[in-house]
């Protein structure tokens, strides 16, 4: 008498269904994950701009003027926390030898190229540019999510 063994394992159909389910889950999760990572990188700009604003106000209290040097405005960007995704520049607003205003700008680099944020001596925050698919460009706030401020 012949003994029949029962075959074990998965059929090709079962494997294909499993792969399809995984593909759907990845298709849903990946865009959310990418937005999450991008929002995390934005915090580098916000923390450094806030730090620059505080340092600029301390400089102003000591000197009764912001620095006239366009590269630093009194506080060189090199004194800010090391940044991987943004570069920082300062533009003073001067009348004669007196500089009573500034605009500190964060420009995105390394995958954050589309983002540009500013803050000035009055504490006005602005978003000048955002990534494609994001809203809030031109807003008087720092865009922190894909949906705006």
N, C-alpha and C. Protein backbone atom coordinates (compact mmCIF):
# COMPACT_ATOMS: atom_id res chain seq x y z
N UNK A 1 0.83 -1.16 0.00
CA UNK A 1 0.00 0.00 0.00
C UNK A 1 0.89 1.25 0.00
N UNK A 2 0.51 2.17 -0.83
CA UNK A 2 1.28 3.40 -0.94
C UNK A 2 0.87 4.41 0.11
N UNK A 3 1.85 5.02 0.72
CA UNK A 3 1.56 6.08 1.68
C UNK A 3 1.60 7.43 0.96
N UNK A 4 0.60 8.20 1.17
CA UNK A 4 0.57 9.53 0.57
C UNK A 4 0.99 10.55 1.61
N UNK A 5 1.93 11.34 1.23
CA UNK A 5 2.37 12.41 2.13
C UNK A 5 1.60 13.68 1.79
N UNK A 6 1.25 14.36 2.81
CA UNK A 6 0.59 15.64 2.59
C UNK A 6 1.67 16.69 2.34
N UNK A 7 1.51 17.49 1.32
CA UNK A 7 2.49 18.52 1.00
C UNK A 7 2.34 19.68 1.97
N UNK A 8 3.46 20.19 2.44
CA UNK A 8 3.44 21.33 3.35
C UNK A 8 4.06 22.52 2.64
N UNK A 9 3.78 23.69 3.17
CA UNK A 9 4.32 24.91 2.58
C UNK A 9 3.20 25.81 2.09
N UNK A 10 3.62 26.88 1.41
CA UNK A 10 2.67 27.85 0.90
C UNK A 10 2.50 27.69 -0.59
N UNK A 11 1.33 27.95 -1.04
CA UNK A 11 1.10 27.92 -2.49
C UNK A 11 1.50 29.27 -3.07
N UNK A 12 1.72 29.31 -4.33
CA UNK A 12 2.10 30.55 -5.00
C UNK A 12 1.01 31.61 -4.84
N UNK A 13 -0.23 31.21 -4.80
CA UNK A 13 -1.33 32.15 -4.62
C UNK A 13 -1.27 32.80 -3.24
N UNK A 14 -1.00 32.01 -2.22
CA UNK A 14 -0.90 32.55 -0.87
C UNK A 14 0.26 33.54 -0.76
N UNK A 15 1.38 33.23 -1.38
CA UNK A 15 2.52 34.15 -1.37
C UNK A 15 2.20 35.44 -2.10
N UNK A 16 1.52 35.37 -3.22
CA UNK A 16 1.18 36.56 -3.98
C UNK A 16 0.19 37.45 -3.22
N UNK A 17 -0.75 36.86 -2.53
CA UNK A 17 -1.69 37.63 -1.72
C UNK A 17 -0.94 38.34 -0.59
N UNK A 18 -0.02 37.65 0.05
CA UNK A 18 0.77 38.25 1.12
C UNK A 18 1.60 39.42 0.60
N UNK A 19 2.23 39.25 -0.54
CA UNK A 19 3.03 40.32 -1.13
C UNK A 19 2.15 41.51 -1.50
N UNK A 20 0.97 41.26 -2.01
CA UNK A 20 0.04 42.34 -2.36
C UNK A 20 -0.38 43.13 -1.13
N UNK A 21 -0.65 42.44 -0.04
CA UNK A 21 -1.04 43.11 1.21
C UNK A 21 0.11 43.97 1.72
N UNK A 22 1.32 43.45 1.69
CA UNK A 22 2.49 44.22 2.14
C UNK A 22 2.69 45.44 1.25
N UNK A 23 2.52 45.30 -0.05
CA UNK A 23 2.68 46.42 -0.98
C UNK A 23 1.67 47.53 -0.69
N UNK A 24 0.44 47.17 -0.40
CA UNK A 24 -0.58 48.17 -0.08
C UNK A 24 -0.23 48.89 1.21
N UNK A 25 0.21 48.16 2.22
CA UNK A 25 0.59 48.78 3.49
C UNK A 25 1.77 49.73 3.31
N UNK A 26 2.76 49.33 2.54
CA UNK A 26 3.92 50.19 2.28
C UNK A 26 3.48 51.43 1.50
N UNK A 27 2.60 51.25 0.53
CA UNK A 27 2.11 52.37 -0.26
C UNK A 27 1.37 53.41 0.58
N UNK A 28 0.73 52.96 1.63
CA UNK A 28 0.03 53.88 2.53
C UNK A 28 0.99 54.50 3.53
N UNK A 29 1.88 53.72 4.09
CA UNK A 29 2.74 54.18 5.18
C UNK A 29 3.91 55.05 4.71
N UNK A 30 4.48 54.76 3.56
CA UNK A 30 5.68 55.46 3.12
C UNK A 30 5.51 56.97 2.97
N UNK A 31 4.45 57.49 2.36
CA UNK A 31 4.30 58.94 2.28
C UNK A 31 4.19 59.60 3.66
N UNK A 32 3.50 58.97 4.59
CA UNK A 32 3.41 59.52 5.94
C UNK A 32 4.77 59.53 6.61
N UNK A 33 5.53 58.49 6.41
CA UNK A 33 6.87 58.41 6.99
C UNK A 33 7.77 59.50 6.41
N UNK A 34 7.72 59.70 5.10
CA UNK A 34 8.54 60.74 4.47
C UNK A 34 8.18 62.13 4.99
N UNK A 35 6.89 62.42 5.17
CA UNK A 35 6.48 63.70 5.74
C UNK A 35 6.98 63.84 7.18
N UNK A 36 6.93 62.77 7.93
CA UNK A 36 7.40 62.77 9.31
C UNK A 36 8.90 63.12 9.36
N UNK A 37 9.68 62.51 8.49
CA UNK A 37 11.11 62.78 8.43
C UNK A 37 11.37 64.23 8.03
N UNK A 38 10.63 64.74 7.05
CA UNK A 38 10.81 66.11 6.60
C UNK A 38 10.47 67.10 7.71
N UNK A 39 9.39 66.86 8.44
CA UNK A 39 9.02 67.74 9.55
C UNK A 39 10.11 67.74 10.62
N UNK A 40 10.74 66.60 10.83
CA UNK A 40 11.84 66.52 11.79
C UNK A 40 13.03 67.37 11.37
N UNK A 41 13.29 67.42 10.09
CA UNK A 41 14.41 68.23 9.58
C UNK A 41 14.11 69.72 9.68
N UNK A 42 12.84 70.10 9.60
CA UNK A 42 12.46 71.51 9.69
C UNK A 42 12.82 72.10 11.05
N UNK A 43 12.79 71.29 12.08
CA UNK A 43 13.07 71.79 13.43
C UNK A 43 14.48 72.37 13.52
N UNK A 44 15.39 71.91 12.68
CA UNK A 44 16.74 72.47 12.65
C UNK A 44 16.70 73.95 12.29
N UNK A 45 15.90 74.30 11.30
CA UNK A 45 15.78 75.70 10.89
C UNK A 45 15.12 76.53 11.99
N UNK A 46 14.05 76.01 12.55
CA UNK A 46 13.31 76.77 13.55
C UNK A 46 14.14 77.02 14.81
N UNK A 47 14.85 76.01 15.27
CA UNK A 47 15.64 76.19 16.50
C UNK A 47 16.79 77.15 16.26
N UNK A 48 17.45 77.06 15.10
CA UNK A 48 18.56 77.97 14.83
C UNK A 48 18.09 79.40 14.58
N UNK A 49 16.95 79.58 13.92
CA UNK A 49 16.43 80.94 13.73
C UNK A 49 16.02 81.56 15.06
N UNK A 50 15.42 80.77 15.93
CA UNK A 50 15.05 81.28 17.26
C UNK A 50 16.29 81.63 18.06
N UNK A 51 17.31 80.79 17.98
CA UNK A 51 18.57 81.06 18.66
C UNK A 51 19.21 82.33 18.11
N UNK A 52 19.21 82.48 16.78
CA UNK A 52 19.78 83.68 16.16
C UNK A 52 19.02 84.92 16.61
N UNK A 53 17.71 84.83 16.68
CA UNK A 53 16.90 85.97 17.11
C UNK A 53 17.26 86.37 18.55
N UNK A 54 17.39 85.40 19.44
CA UNK A 54 17.78 85.69 20.82
C UNK A 54 19.16 86.31 20.89
N UNK A 55 20.10 85.77 20.15
CA UNK A 55 21.47 86.31 20.16
C UNK A 55 21.51 87.72 19.57
N UNK A 56 20.71 87.95 18.54
CA UNK A 56 20.67 89.28 17.94
C UNK A 56 20.13 90.31 18.93
N UNK A 57 19.12 89.93 19.67
CA UNK A 57 18.57 90.86 20.67
C UNK A 57 19.56 91.11 21.80
N UNK A 58 20.32 90.11 22.20
CA UNK A 58 21.37 90.31 23.20
C UNK A 58 22.45 91.25 22.66
N UNK A 59 22.83 91.05 21.39
CA UNK A 59 23.81 91.91 20.75
C UNK A 59 23.30 93.35 20.71
N UNK A 60 22.03 93.52 20.37
CA UNK A 60 21.44 94.85 20.30
C UNK A 60 21.45 95.53 21.68
N UNK A 61 21.14 94.79 22.72
CA UNK A 61 21.14 95.35 24.08
C UNK A 61 22.53 95.83 24.48
N UNK A 62 23.55 95.11 24.04
CA UNK A 62 24.93 95.49 24.38
C UNK A 62 25.44 96.64 23.52
N UNK A 63 25.00 96.75 22.27
CA UNK A 63 25.58 97.70 21.33
C UNK A 63 24.62 98.78 20.83
N UNK A 64 23.36 98.69 21.17
CA UNK A 64 22.31 99.63 20.73
C UNK A 64 22.20 99.70 19.21
N UNK A 65 22.65 98.66 18.55
CA UNK A 65 22.56 98.56 17.10
C UNK A 65 22.85 97.11 16.72
N UNK A 66 22.27 96.68 15.62
CA UNK A 66 22.63 95.37 15.08
C UNK A 66 23.89 95.55 14.26
N UNK A 67 24.66 94.52 14.09
CA UNK A 67 25.91 94.62 13.34
C UNK A 67 25.68 94.98 11.88
N UNK A 68 26.52 95.87 11.31
CA UNK A 68 26.35 96.29 9.92
C UNK A 68 26.87 95.29 8.90
N UNK A 69 27.63 94.31 9.34
CA UNK A 69 28.21 93.33 8.42
C UNK A 69 27.12 92.42 7.90
N UNK A 70 26.93 92.42 6.59
CA UNK A 70 25.85 91.63 5.99
C UNK A 70 26.01 90.14 6.24
N UNK A 71 27.23 89.68 6.44
CA UNK A 71 27.45 88.24 6.65
C UNK A 71 27.03 87.80 8.04
N UNK A 72 27.06 88.72 9.01
CA UNK A 72 26.82 88.29 10.39
C UNK A 72 25.75 89.08 11.12
N UNK A 73 25.56 90.34 10.79
CA UNK A 73 24.65 91.23 11.54
C UNK A 73 25.05 91.30 13.01
N UNK A 74 26.29 91.01 13.31
CA UNK A 74 26.74 91.03 14.70
C UNK A 74 26.87 89.64 15.28
N UNK A 75 26.11 88.71 14.80
CA UNK A 75 26.17 87.32 15.26
C UNK A 75 26.46 86.44 14.05
N UNK A 76 27.67 85.92 13.93
CA UNK A 76 27.97 85.08 12.77
C UNK A 76 27.18 83.78 12.79
N UNK A 77 26.72 83.33 11.63
CA UNK A 77 26.01 82.06 11.57
C UNK A 77 26.82 80.89 12.12
N UNK A 78 28.15 81.01 12.12
CA UNK A 78 28.99 79.93 12.66
C UNK A 78 28.79 79.75 14.16
N UNK A 79 28.24 80.75 14.84
CA UNK A 79 27.98 80.61 16.28
C UNK A 79 26.68 79.88 16.56
N UNK A 80 25.91 79.63 15.51
CA UNK A 80 24.68 78.86 15.67
C UNK A 80 25.03 77.37 15.73
N UNK A 81 24.08 76.60 16.15
CA UNK A 81 24.25 75.15 16.21
C UNK A 81 24.56 74.59 14.82
N UNK A 82 25.45 73.61 14.75
CA UNK A 82 25.81 73.01 13.46
C UNK A 82 24.55 72.52 12.75
N UNK A 83 24.45 72.84 11.46
CA UNK A 83 23.25 72.50 10.70
C UNK A 83 23.61 71.62 9.51
N UNK A 84 22.78 70.62 9.28
CA UNK A 84 23.00 69.69 8.17
C UNK A 84 22.05 69.97 7.00
N UNK A 85 20.88 70.53 7.30
CA UNK A 85 19.86 70.69 6.27
C UNK A 85 19.55 72.13 5.91
N UNK A 86 20.17 73.10 6.58
CA UNK A 86 19.91 74.51 6.30
C UNK A 86 21.19 75.33 6.41
N UNK A 87 21.28 76.39 5.61
CA UNK A 87 22.33 77.40 5.77
C UNK A 87 21.65 78.67 6.26
N UNK A 88 22.40 79.52 6.94
CA UNK A 88 21.83 80.70 7.55
C UNK A 88 22.58 81.95 7.12
N UNK A 89 21.82 82.99 6.80
CA UNK A 89 22.40 84.27 6.42
C UNK A 89 21.63 85.38 7.13
N UNK A 90 22.29 86.52 7.24
CA UNK A 90 21.65 87.66 7.89
C UNK A 90 21.80 88.88 7.00
N UNK A 91 20.73 89.65 6.88
CA UNK A 91 20.74 90.88 6.10
C UNK A 91 20.36 92.03 7.03
N UNK A 92 21.31 92.95 7.31
CA UNK A 92 20.99 94.07 8.20
C UNK A 92 20.19 95.15 7.47
N UNK A 93 19.42 95.91 8.23
CA UNK A 93 18.70 97.07 7.72
C UNK A 93 19.34 98.29 8.36
N UNK A 94 20.13 99.02 7.57
CA UNK A 94 20.92 100.12 8.13
C UNK A 94 20.54 101.45 7.49
N UNK A 95 20.61 102.50 8.31
CA UNK A 95 20.50 103.87 7.85
C UNK A 95 21.77 104.55 8.32
N UNK A 96 22.65 104.84 7.40
CA UNK A 96 23.96 105.38 7.78
C UNK A 96 24.74 104.31 8.52
N UNK A 97 25.23 104.67 9.71
CA UNK A 97 26.01 103.70 10.50
C UNK A 97 25.15 102.98 11.53
N UNK A 98 23.88 103.33 11.60
CA UNK A 98 22.98 102.71 12.58
C UNK A 98 22.15 101.60 11.93
N UNK A 99 22.28 100.41 12.47
CA UNK A 99 21.51 99.27 11.97
C UNK A 99 20.43 98.93 12.99
N UNK A 100 19.20 99.23 12.66
CA UNK A 100 18.10 99.01 13.60
C UNK A 100 17.20 97.85 13.20
N UNK A 101 17.62 97.08 12.23
CA UNK A 101 16.82 95.94 11.82
C UNK A 101 17.66 94.87 11.15
N UNK A 102 17.07 93.70 11.01
CA UNK A 102 17.75 92.60 10.34
C UNK A 102 16.71 91.59 9.86
N UNK A 103 17.12 90.74 8.96
CA UNK A 103 16.33 89.58 8.56
C UNK A 103 17.28 88.39 8.53
N UNK A 104 17.04 87.43 9.39
CA UNK A 104 17.82 86.18 9.41
C UNK A 104 17.06 85.17 8.56
N UNK A 105 17.77 84.50 7.67
CA UNK A 105 17.16 83.58 6.71
C UNK A 105 17.76 82.19 6.82
N UNK A 106 16.90 81.18 6.78
CA UNK A 106 17.32 79.78 6.71
C UNK A 106 16.97 79.27 5.32
N UNK A 107 17.99 78.83 4.58
CA UNK A 107 17.80 78.27 3.24
C UNK A 107 18.08 76.78 3.27
N UNK A 108 17.13 75.99 2.79
CA UNK A 108 17.27 74.54 2.82
C UNK A 108 18.33 74.01 1.87
N UNK A 109 19.02 72.95 2.31
CA UNK A 109 20.00 72.22 1.50
C UNK A 109 19.83 70.73 1.78
N UNK A 110 20.52 69.89 1.06
CA UNK A 110 20.53 68.44 1.31
C UNK A 110 19.13 67.83 1.41
N UNK A 111 18.34 68.02 0.37
CA UNK A 111 17.00 67.44 0.36
C UNK A 111 15.92 68.36 0.90
N UNK A 112 16.31 69.47 1.46
CA UNK A 112 15.34 70.45 1.97
C UNK A 112 15.40 71.73 1.13
N UNK A 113 15.89 71.60 -0.10
CA UNK A 113 16.18 72.74 -0.96
C UNK A 113 15.02 73.69 -1.19
N UNK A 114 13.82 73.23 -1.13
CA UNK A 114 12.67 74.08 -1.44
C UNK A 114 12.22 74.95 -0.27
N UNK A 115 12.77 74.76 0.89
CA UNK A 115 12.31 75.49 2.06
C UNK A 115 13.16 76.73 2.32
N UNK A 116 12.48 77.83 2.68
CA UNK A 116 13.16 79.06 3.08
C UNK A 116 12.30 79.76 4.12
N UNK A 117 12.92 80.03 5.28
CA UNK A 117 12.22 80.67 6.40
C UNK A 117 13.00 81.90 6.84
N UNK A 118 12.29 82.90 7.39
CA UNK A 118 12.95 84.10 7.89
C UNK A 118 12.37 84.51 9.23
N UNK A 119 13.15 85.33 9.93
CA UNK A 119 12.68 86.01 11.13
C UNK A 119 13.38 87.38 11.14
N UNK A 120 12.67 88.41 11.64
CA UNK A 120 13.29 89.73 11.67
C UNK A 120 13.33 90.28 13.09
N UNK A 121 13.80 91.54 13.21
CA UNK A 121 13.98 92.15 14.54
C UNK A 121 12.66 92.30 15.29
N UNK A 122 11.54 92.36 14.59
CA UNK A 122 10.23 92.49 15.24
C UNK A 122 9.67 91.14 15.66
N UNK A 123 10.39 90.07 15.35
CA UNK A 123 9.91 88.73 15.70
C UNK A 123 8.95 88.15 14.67
N UNK A 124 8.83 88.82 13.53
CA UNK A 124 7.93 88.34 12.48
C UNK A 124 8.55 87.14 11.77
N UNK A 125 7.84 86.05 11.81
CA UNK A 125 8.29 84.82 11.16
C UNK A 125 7.61 84.72 9.80
N UNK A 126 8.35 84.22 8.81
CA UNK A 126 7.77 84.08 7.48
C UNK A 126 8.30 82.82 6.80
N UNK A 127 7.46 82.24 5.97
CA UNK A 127 7.84 81.11 5.12
C UNK A 127 7.84 81.62 3.69
N UNK A 128 9.03 81.69 3.08
CA UNK A 128 9.14 82.23 1.73
C UNK A 128 8.95 81.16 0.66
N UNK A 129 9.41 79.94 0.93
CA UNK A 129 9.28 78.84 -0.03
C UNK A 129 9.01 77.54 0.72
N UNK A 130 8.24 76.66 0.09
CA UNK A 130 7.97 75.33 0.64
C UNK A 130 8.14 74.28 -0.45
N UNK A 131 8.17 73.03 -0.05
CA UNK A 131 8.31 71.92 -0.99
C UNK A 131 7.04 71.75 -1.82
N UNK A 132 7.16 71.17 -3.01
CA UNK A 132 5.97 70.88 -3.81
C UNK A 132 4.98 70.02 -3.02
N UNK A 133 3.72 70.39 -3.10
CA UNK A 133 2.68 69.66 -2.38
C UNK A 133 2.40 70.22 -0.99
N UNK A 134 3.25 71.11 -0.52
CA UNK A 134 3.04 71.75 0.77
C UNK A 134 2.32 73.07 0.54
N UNK A 135 1.59 73.54 1.55
CA UNK A 135 0.92 74.83 1.46
C UNK A 135 1.48 75.76 2.52
N UNK A 136 1.25 77.06 2.33
CA UNK A 136 1.68 78.03 3.32
C UNK A 136 2.78 78.95 2.84
N UNK A 137 3.19 78.84 1.59
CA UNK A 137 4.22 79.73 1.08
C UNK A 137 3.73 81.16 1.16
N UNK A 138 4.58 82.04 1.67
CA UNK A 138 4.21 83.44 1.84
C UNK A 138 3.49 83.72 3.14
N UNK A 139 3.30 82.71 3.96
CA UNK A 139 2.59 82.89 5.23
C UNK A 139 3.45 83.63 6.24
N UNK A 140 2.81 84.35 7.14
CA UNK A 140 3.51 85.04 8.22
C UNK A 140 3.66 84.11 9.42
N UNK A 141 4.21 82.95 9.15
CA UNK A 141 4.49 81.95 10.18
C UNK A 141 5.46 80.96 9.58
N UNK A 142 5.98 80.07 10.37
CA UNK A 142 6.84 79.02 9.84
C UNK A 142 5.97 77.80 9.59
N UNK A 143 5.92 77.36 8.36
CA UNK A 143 5.13 76.18 7.99
C UNK A 143 5.77 74.96 8.63
N UNK A 144 4.99 74.25 9.43
CA UNK A 144 5.52 73.09 10.15
C UNK A 144 4.97 71.77 9.66
N UNK A 145 3.90 71.81 8.88
CA UNK A 145 3.30 70.59 8.34
C UNK A 145 2.91 70.82 6.89
N UNK A 146 2.60 69.75 6.22
CA UNK A 146 2.22 69.82 4.81
C UNK A 146 0.98 70.69 4.60
N UNK A 147 0.15 70.80 5.61
CA UNK A 147 -1.09 71.56 5.51
C UNK A 147 -0.96 73.02 5.84
N UNK A 148 0.22 73.51 6.17
CA UNK A 148 0.41 74.92 6.49
C UNK A 148 0.99 75.12 7.87
N UNK A 149 0.66 76.28 8.45
CA UNK A 149 1.23 76.67 9.75
C UNK A 149 0.59 75.93 10.91
